[in-house]
Amino acid sequence: MRRTINQLSQDFDAAIDWLERQRVAPGHRFERYREILDVALATPPGTDIPIETIEYYGAICEIDQLCDIAALPDAVVDSAQARRKLRTMVDGEPFYFANQGPQDPGRDAGFELSTAARFATAGFAVRLEHPADVSVRDLAGTELQIECKRPRGPRNLEPNLVSAYRQLVRTKAVLPESIPIVAIDLTLIVNAEFRPIVYPSEKVAGDRFDAALYRFEVDHGEAFANADYHGDGEGRIAARLYSFSGMFHIGDDPPAVGTLVRLGMTEAQQRTETGARVAGLFRRLHGFDQP
């Protein structure tokens, strides 16, 4: 879903209440985001918000992600491992580009939690314990084991994929009936400058993202091939789940923040029985992802 700034403010309050119910303090990260959101709400329409654009859009996306995470049932986060992920998330660096190192554990944990929340909202049973970052099961017993990666740029894509594929291959050896999927957050690759995303209609926005994904996979085909080989994932990984967050300006609608999600599979993967099952699960997931 996408949220306007006013909706985001209301949902943010509820998300903070949810965090505190999980015995996790919001911390300085989300306290700073509250300050930024309050400034945005107090700025008259048609007036530039007195905050650097990249800082403002980054904060808005992070708030939106927390609001998604707060949809996780209490039972899902009622474990030591899940609570650690929540605490890691809130203790993270407030802004994307303040930490220039390769590690960003707060946002990594946030992506894992929001991926789980997306499936939970669609009615799937989810877990946040090992062996994978996120485990998903539907009523028919189909189980997905999902490794979540947030490459901080094109150069980080291949090593992130290699790491994910190796973990998924190990998980498959322990749980042979499970379906291995890698979830990839493309936000810092597709729109690293956090530019506002302006499209005349919802359909155009979706079509442009699909086209961008196609170009992304073509442009980075060597990275995917190398990851398959070096990560022992050749022919074993069932699909890729792509996410991309941003501030969207669609037609005459009020600006809204949200996340686009797409499934990536090769033609060979789509023709398999596993591919058909994954596509069916994604259709159900995607149905709960509309504005």
Protein backbone atom coordinates (compact mmCIF):
# COMPACT_ATOMS: atom_id res chain seq x y z
CA MET A 1 0.00 0.00 0.00
CA ARG A 2 0.97 3.66 -0.23
CA ARG A 3 0.41 6.27 2.45
CA THR A 4 -0.02 10.01 2.18
CA ILE A 5 1.92 12.10 4.69
CA ASN A 6 -1.16 12.52 6.89
CA GLN A 7 -1.85 8.76 6.81
CA LEU A 8 1.81 8.12 7.53
CA SER A 9 1.67 10.31 10.65
CA GLN A 10 -1.33 8.42 12.03
CA ASP A 11 0.15 5.01 11.24
CA PHE A 12 3.52 6.07 12.68
CA ASP A 13 1.93 6.78 16.06
CA ALA A 14 0.32 3.34 16.01
CA ALA A 15 3.61 1.73 14.97
CA ILE A 16 5.47 3.33 17.88
CA ASP A 17 2.77 2.01 20.24
CA TRP A 18 3.27 -1.43 18.68
CA LEU A 19 7.04 -1.25 19.21
CA GLU A 20 6.60 -0.33 22.85
CA ARG A 21 4.16 -3.20 23.28
CA GLN A 22 6.98 -5.45 22.07
CA ARG A 23 9.15 -3.90 24.83
CA VAL A 24 11.37 -2.18 22.25
CA ALA A 25 12.07 1.53 22.70
CA PRO A 26 11.91 3.57 19.45
CA GLY A 27 15.40 4.98 20.03
CA HIS A 28 17.08 8.08 18.57
CA ARG A 29 16.53 6.90 14.99
CA PHE A 30 12.75 7.07 15.00
CA GLU A 31 12.69 10.04 17.35
CA ARG A 32 14.59 11.97 14.66
CA TYR A 33 12.13 10.75 12.02
CA ARG A 34 9.24 12.04 14.15
CA GLU A 35 10.85 15.48 14.19
CA ILE A 36 11.25 15.45 10.41
CA LEU A 37 7.66 14.31 9.86
CA ASP A 38 6.35 17.04 12.16
CA VAL A 39 8.24 19.67 10.16
CA ALA A 40 6.77 18.30 6.93
CA LEU A 41 3.24 18.37 8.35
CA ALA A 42 3.70 21.96 9.56
CA THR A 43 4.95 23.20 6.18
CA PRO A 44 2.18 25.00 4.22
CA PRO A 45 1.13 23.37 0.90
CA GLY A 46 3.13 24.65 -2.04
CA THR A 47 6.06 25.59 0.18
CA ASP A 48 9.42 23.83 0.10
CA ILE A 49 10.01 21.68 3.16
CA PRO A 50 13.03 23.13 5.05
CA ILE A 51 14.85 19.78 5.14
CA GLU A 52 17.38 18.42 2.66
CA THR A 53 15.44 16.34 0.12
CA ILE A 54 17.53 13.20 0.46
CA GLU A 55 17.18 13.32 4.26
CA TYR A 56 13.43 13.92 4.10
CA TYR A 57 12.62 11.18 1.58
CA GLY A 58 14.89 8.72 3.36
CA ALA A 59 13.14 9.36 6.69
CA ILE A 60 9.69 9.08 5.10
CA CYS A 61 10.58 5.70 3.55
CA GLU A 62 11.91 4.44 6.88
CA ILE A 63 8.72 5.49 8.68
CA ASP A 64 6.64 3.76 6.02
CA GLN A 65 8.66 0.58 6.48
CA LEU A 66 8.12 0.64 10.25
CA CYS A 67 4.37 1.08 9.69
CA ASP A 68 4.43 -2.05 7.51
CA ILE A 69 6.43 -3.97 10.12
CA ALA A 70 3.90 -3.08 12.82
CA ALA A 71 1.41 -5.33 11.01
CA LEU A 72 3.38 -8.37 12.19
CA PRO A 73 1.35 -10.44 14.66
CA ASP A 74 2.69 -10.39 18.21
CA ALA A 75 3.32 -14.13 18.06
CA VAL A 76 5.76 -13.69 15.15
CA VAL A 77 8.00 -11.30 17.10
CA ASP A 78 7.63 -13.12 20.41
CA SER A 79 11.05 -14.79 20.26
CA ALA A 80 14.55 -13.77 21.26
CA GLN A 81 15.77 -13.74 17.65
CA ALA A 82 12.87 -11.61 16.38
CA ARG A 83 13.27 -9.16 19.27
CA ARG A 84 16.96 -8.83 18.46
CA LYS A 85 16.03 -7.88 14.92
CA LEU A 86 13.62 -5.22 16.19
CA ARG A 87 16.24 -3.77 18.51
CA THR A 88 18.88 -3.83 15.77
CA MET A 89 16.47 -1.96 13.49
CA VAL A 90 15.67 0.86 15.92
CA ASP A 91 19.34 1.28 16.91
CA GLY A 92 20.42 1.81 13.30
CA GLU A 93 21.93 4.96 11.84
CA PRO A 94 19.11 7.43 11.08
CA PHE A 95 20.20 8.31 7.54
CA TYR A 96 21.16 6.15 4.59
CA PHE A 97 24.38 7.91 3.71
CA ALA A 98 25.80 8.73 7.14
CA ASN A 99 27.39 5.27 7.28
CA GLN A 100 29.58 4.75 4.22
CA GLY A 101 30.78 1.29 5.25
CA PRO A 102 29.53 -1.98 3.74
CA GLN A 103 27.45 -2.89 6.81
CA ASP A 104 24.11 -1.34 7.74
CA PRO A 105 22.59 -3.82 10.21
CA GLY A 106 19.66 -1.59 11.21
CA ARG A 107 18.32 -1.38 7.66
CA ASP A 108 19.17 -5.03 6.95
CA ALA A 109 16.99 -6.04 9.90
CA GLY A 110 14.27 -3.64 8.77
CA PHE A 111 14.18 -5.22 5.31
CA GLU A 112 13.89 -8.71 6.79
CA LEU A 113 11.08 -7.61 9.10
CA SER A 114 9.18 -5.75 6.38
CA THR A 115 9.49 -8.72 4.01
CA ALA A 116 7.96 -10.95 6.69
CA ALA A 117 5.24 -8.37 7.35
CA ARG A 118 4.29 -8.26 3.67
CA PHE A 119 3.56 -11.99 3.70
CA ALA A 120 1.88 -11.88 7.11
CA THR A 121 -0.48 -9.12 5.93
CA ALA A 122 -1.49 -11.35 3.00
CA GLY A 123 -2.42 -14.14 5.44
CA PHE A 124 0.66 -16.35 5.28
CA ALA A 125 2.25 -17.88 8.37
CA VAL A 126 5.72 -16.38 8.84
CA ARG A 127 8.72 -16.97 11.09
CA LEU A 128 11.85 -14.91 11.70
CA GLU A 129 14.08 -17.66 13.07
CA HIS A 130 16.86 -19.63 11.44
CA PRO A 131 17.69 -21.25 9.10
CA ALA A 132 16.61 -18.40 6.76
CA ASP A 133 15.96 -14.70 7.35
CA VAL A 134 12.23 -15.24 6.73
CA SER A 135 10.22 -18.45 6.49
CA VAL A 136 6.77 -18.40 4.89
CA ARG A 137 4.15 -21.15 4.78
CA ASP A 138 0.74 -21.20 3.12
CA LEU A 139 -2.32 -23.31 4.03
CA ALA A 140 -1.35 -25.97 1.49
CA GLY A 141 1.98 -26.47 3.26
CA THR A 142 4.17 -24.78 0.66
CA GLU A 143 7.16 -23.31 2.47
CA LEU A 144 9.41 -20.54 1.24
CA GLN A 145 12.82 -19.91 2.75
CA ILE A 146 13.81 -16.32 1.98
CA GLU A 147 17.21 -14.67 2.30
CA CYS A 148 17.02 -10.85 2.28
CA LYS A 149 19.73 -8.62 0.79
CA ARG A 150 20.10 -4.85 0.48
CA PRO A 151 22.96 -4.13 -1.94
CA ARG A 152 24.19 -0.57 -1.37
CA GLY A 153 25.07 -0.16 -5.03
CA PRO A 154 25.76 -2.19 -8.21
CA ARG A 155 29.21 -3.26 -7.00
CA ASN A 156 27.65 -4.84 -3.92
CA LEU A 157 25.10 -6.86 -5.87
CA GLU A 158 27.22 -9.91 -6.72
CA PRO A 159 28.72 -10.49 -3.23
CA ASN A 160 25.26 -10.07 -1.70
CA LEU A 161 23.83 -12.64 -4.11
CA VAL A 162 26.67 -15.09 -3.49
CA SER A 163 26.08 -14.86 0.26
CA ALA A 164 22.32 -15.35 -0.14
CA TYR A 165 22.65 -18.27 -2.55
CA ARG A 166 25.12 -20.12 -0.32
CA GLN A 167 22.81 -19.74 2.66
CA LEU A 168 19.78 -20.89 0.67
CA VAL A 169 21.64 -23.95 -0.62
CA ARG A 170 22.54 -24.89 2.97
CA THR A 171 18.92 -24.35 4.04
CA LYS A 172 17.65 -26.49 1.15
CA ALA A 173 19.90 -29.33 2.32
CA VAL A 174 18.23 -29.20 5.75
CA LEU A 175 14.70 -28.57 4.43
CA PRO A 176 14.58 -30.30 1.02
CA GLU A 177 10.87 -29.61 0.47
CA SER A 178 11.22 -25.85 0.94
CA ILE A 179 11.44 -23.34 -1.91
CA PRO A 180 14.51 -21.03 -1.81
CA ILE A 181 13.98 -17.37 -2.76
CA VAL A 182 16.26 -14.35 -2.51
CA ALA A 183 14.59 -11.00 -1.68
CA ILE A 184 16.50 -7.96 -2.98
CA ASP A 185 15.90 -4.34 -2.01
CA LEU A 186 16.74 -2.27 -5.09
CA THR A 187 16.12 1.15 -3.57
CA LEU A 188 19.78 2.18 -3.49
CA ILE A 189 20.40 0.85 -7.02
CA VAL A 190 17.31 2.11 -8.86
CA ASN A 191 17.02 5.48 -7.09
CA ALA A 192 20.12 6.08 -4.98
CA GLU A 193 19.52 9.85 -4.90
CA PHE A 194 15.97 9.42 -3.51
CA ARG A 195 14.47 11.52 -6.29
CA PRO A 196 10.69 11.95 -6.14
CA ILE A 197 9.02 9.54 -8.55
CA VAL A 198 6.53 11.33 -10.79
CA TYR A 199 4.20 9.38 -13.11
CA PRO A 200 0.91 10.33 -14.78
CA SER A 201 -0.88 7.15 -13.68
CA GLU A 202 -0.61 3.99 -11.60
CA LYS A 203 -0.25 1.86 -14.73
CA VAL A 204 2.62 3.96 -16.07
CA ALA A 205 4.38 3.71 -12.71
CA GLY A 206 4.10 -0.09 -12.75
CA ASP A 207 5.14 -0.35 -16.40
CA ARG A 208 8.19 1.86 -15.84
CA PHE A 209 9.27 -0.21 -12.84
CA ASP A 210 8.87 -3.42 -14.84
CA ALA A 211 11.00 -1.92 -17.61
CA ALA A 212 13.62 -0.80 -15.09
CA LEU A 213 13.72 -4.32 -13.63
CA TYR A 214 14.20 -5.83 -17.07
CA ARG A 215 17.11 -3.47 -17.79
CA PHE A 216 18.54 -4.17 -14.34
CA GLU A 217 18.60 -7.94 -14.90
CA VAL A 218 20.08 -7.55 -18.39
CA ASP A 219 22.71 -5.05 -17.25
CA HIS A 220 23.71 -7.23 -14.31
CA GLY A 221 23.40 -10.62 -15.99
CA GLU A 222 27.07 -11.37 -15.34
CA ALA A 223 26.63 -10.71 -11.61
CA PHE A 224 23.68 -13.12 -11.46
CA ALA A 225 25.57 -15.77 -13.45
CA ASN A 226 28.66 -15.43 -11.26
CA ALA A 227 26.51 -15.61 -8.13
CA ASP A 228 24.86 -18.79 -9.41
CA TYR A 229 28.28 -20.34 -9.96
CA HIS A 230 30.18 -19.09 -6.91
CA GLY A 231 27.17 -19.38 -4.61
CA ASP A 232 26.41 -22.99 -5.67
CA GLY A 233 22.94 -21.76 -6.60
CA GLU A 234 22.88 -22.83 -10.25
CA GLY A 235 19.43 -24.20 -10.97
CA ARG A 236 18.52 -24.26 -7.27
CA ILE A 237 17.13 -20.80 -6.50
CA ALA A 238 13.43 -20.65 -7.38
CA ALA A 239 12.92 -16.89 -7.78
CA ARG A 240 13.92 -13.36 -6.87
CA LEU A 241 11.61 -11.00 -4.99
CA TYR A 242 12.40 -7.35 -5.73
CA SER A 243 11.40 -4.37 -3.59
CA PHE A 244 11.76 -0.67 -4.28
CA SER A 245 10.68 2.14 -1.92
CA GLY A 246 10.11 5.80 -2.68
CA MET A 247 7.90 8.87 -2.66
CA PHE A 248 5.42 8.61 -5.52
CA HIS A 249 3.58 11.45 -7.24
CA ILE A 250 0.87 9.73 -9.31
CA GLY A 251 -1.27 12.01 -11.47
CA ASP A 252 -3.28 14.45 -9.37
CA ASP A 253 -3.23 12.25 -6.26
CA PRO A 254 -1.52 13.57 -3.12
CA PRO A 255 2.14 12.51 -2.88
CA ALA A 256 2.41 9.14 -1.14
CA VAL A 257 5.21 6.92 0.08
CA GLY A 258 5.23 3.19 -0.54
CA THR A 259 7.01 0.12 -1.91
CA LEU A 260 6.71 -1.62 -5.26
CA VAL A 261 7.25 -5.38 -5.22
CA ARG A 262 7.88 -7.65 -8.20
CA LEU A 263 8.72 -11.33 -8.72
CA GLY A 264 11.63 -12.27 -10.97
CA MET A 265 11.93 -15.69 -12.60
CA THR A 266 13.62 -16.96 -15.75
CA GLU A 267 11.48 -18.64 -18.40
CA ALA A 268 12.91 -22.00 -17.33
CA GLN A 269 11.93 -21.33 -13.71
CA GLN A 270 8.42 -20.30 -14.73
CA ARG A 271 7.87 -23.59 -16.59
CA THR A 272 8.55 -25.74 -13.54
CA GLU A 273 5.96 -26.93 -11.03
CA THR A 274 7.81 -24.99 -8.33
CA GLY A 275 7.73 -21.87 -10.47
CA ALA A 276 3.96 -22.18 -10.89
CA ARG A 277 3.53 -22.51 -7.11
CA VAL A 278 5.71 -19.48 -6.45
CA ALA A 279 3.82 -17.42 -9.05
CA GLY A 280 0.52 -18.37 -7.40
CA LEU A 281 1.79 -17.31 -3.99
CA PHE A 282 3.04 -14.04 -5.40
CA ARG A 283 -0.32 -13.28 -7.03
CA ARG A 284 -1.90 -13.62 -3.62
CA LEU A 285 0.84 -11.49 -2.04
CA HIS A 286 0.61 -8.84 -4.77
CA GLY A 287 -3.14 -8.60 -4.32
CA PHE A 288 -2.54 -7.24 -0.83
CA ASP A 289 0.07 -4.77 -2.10
CA GLN A 290 -2.25 -2.47 -4.06
CA PRO A 291 -3.02 1.10 -2.95
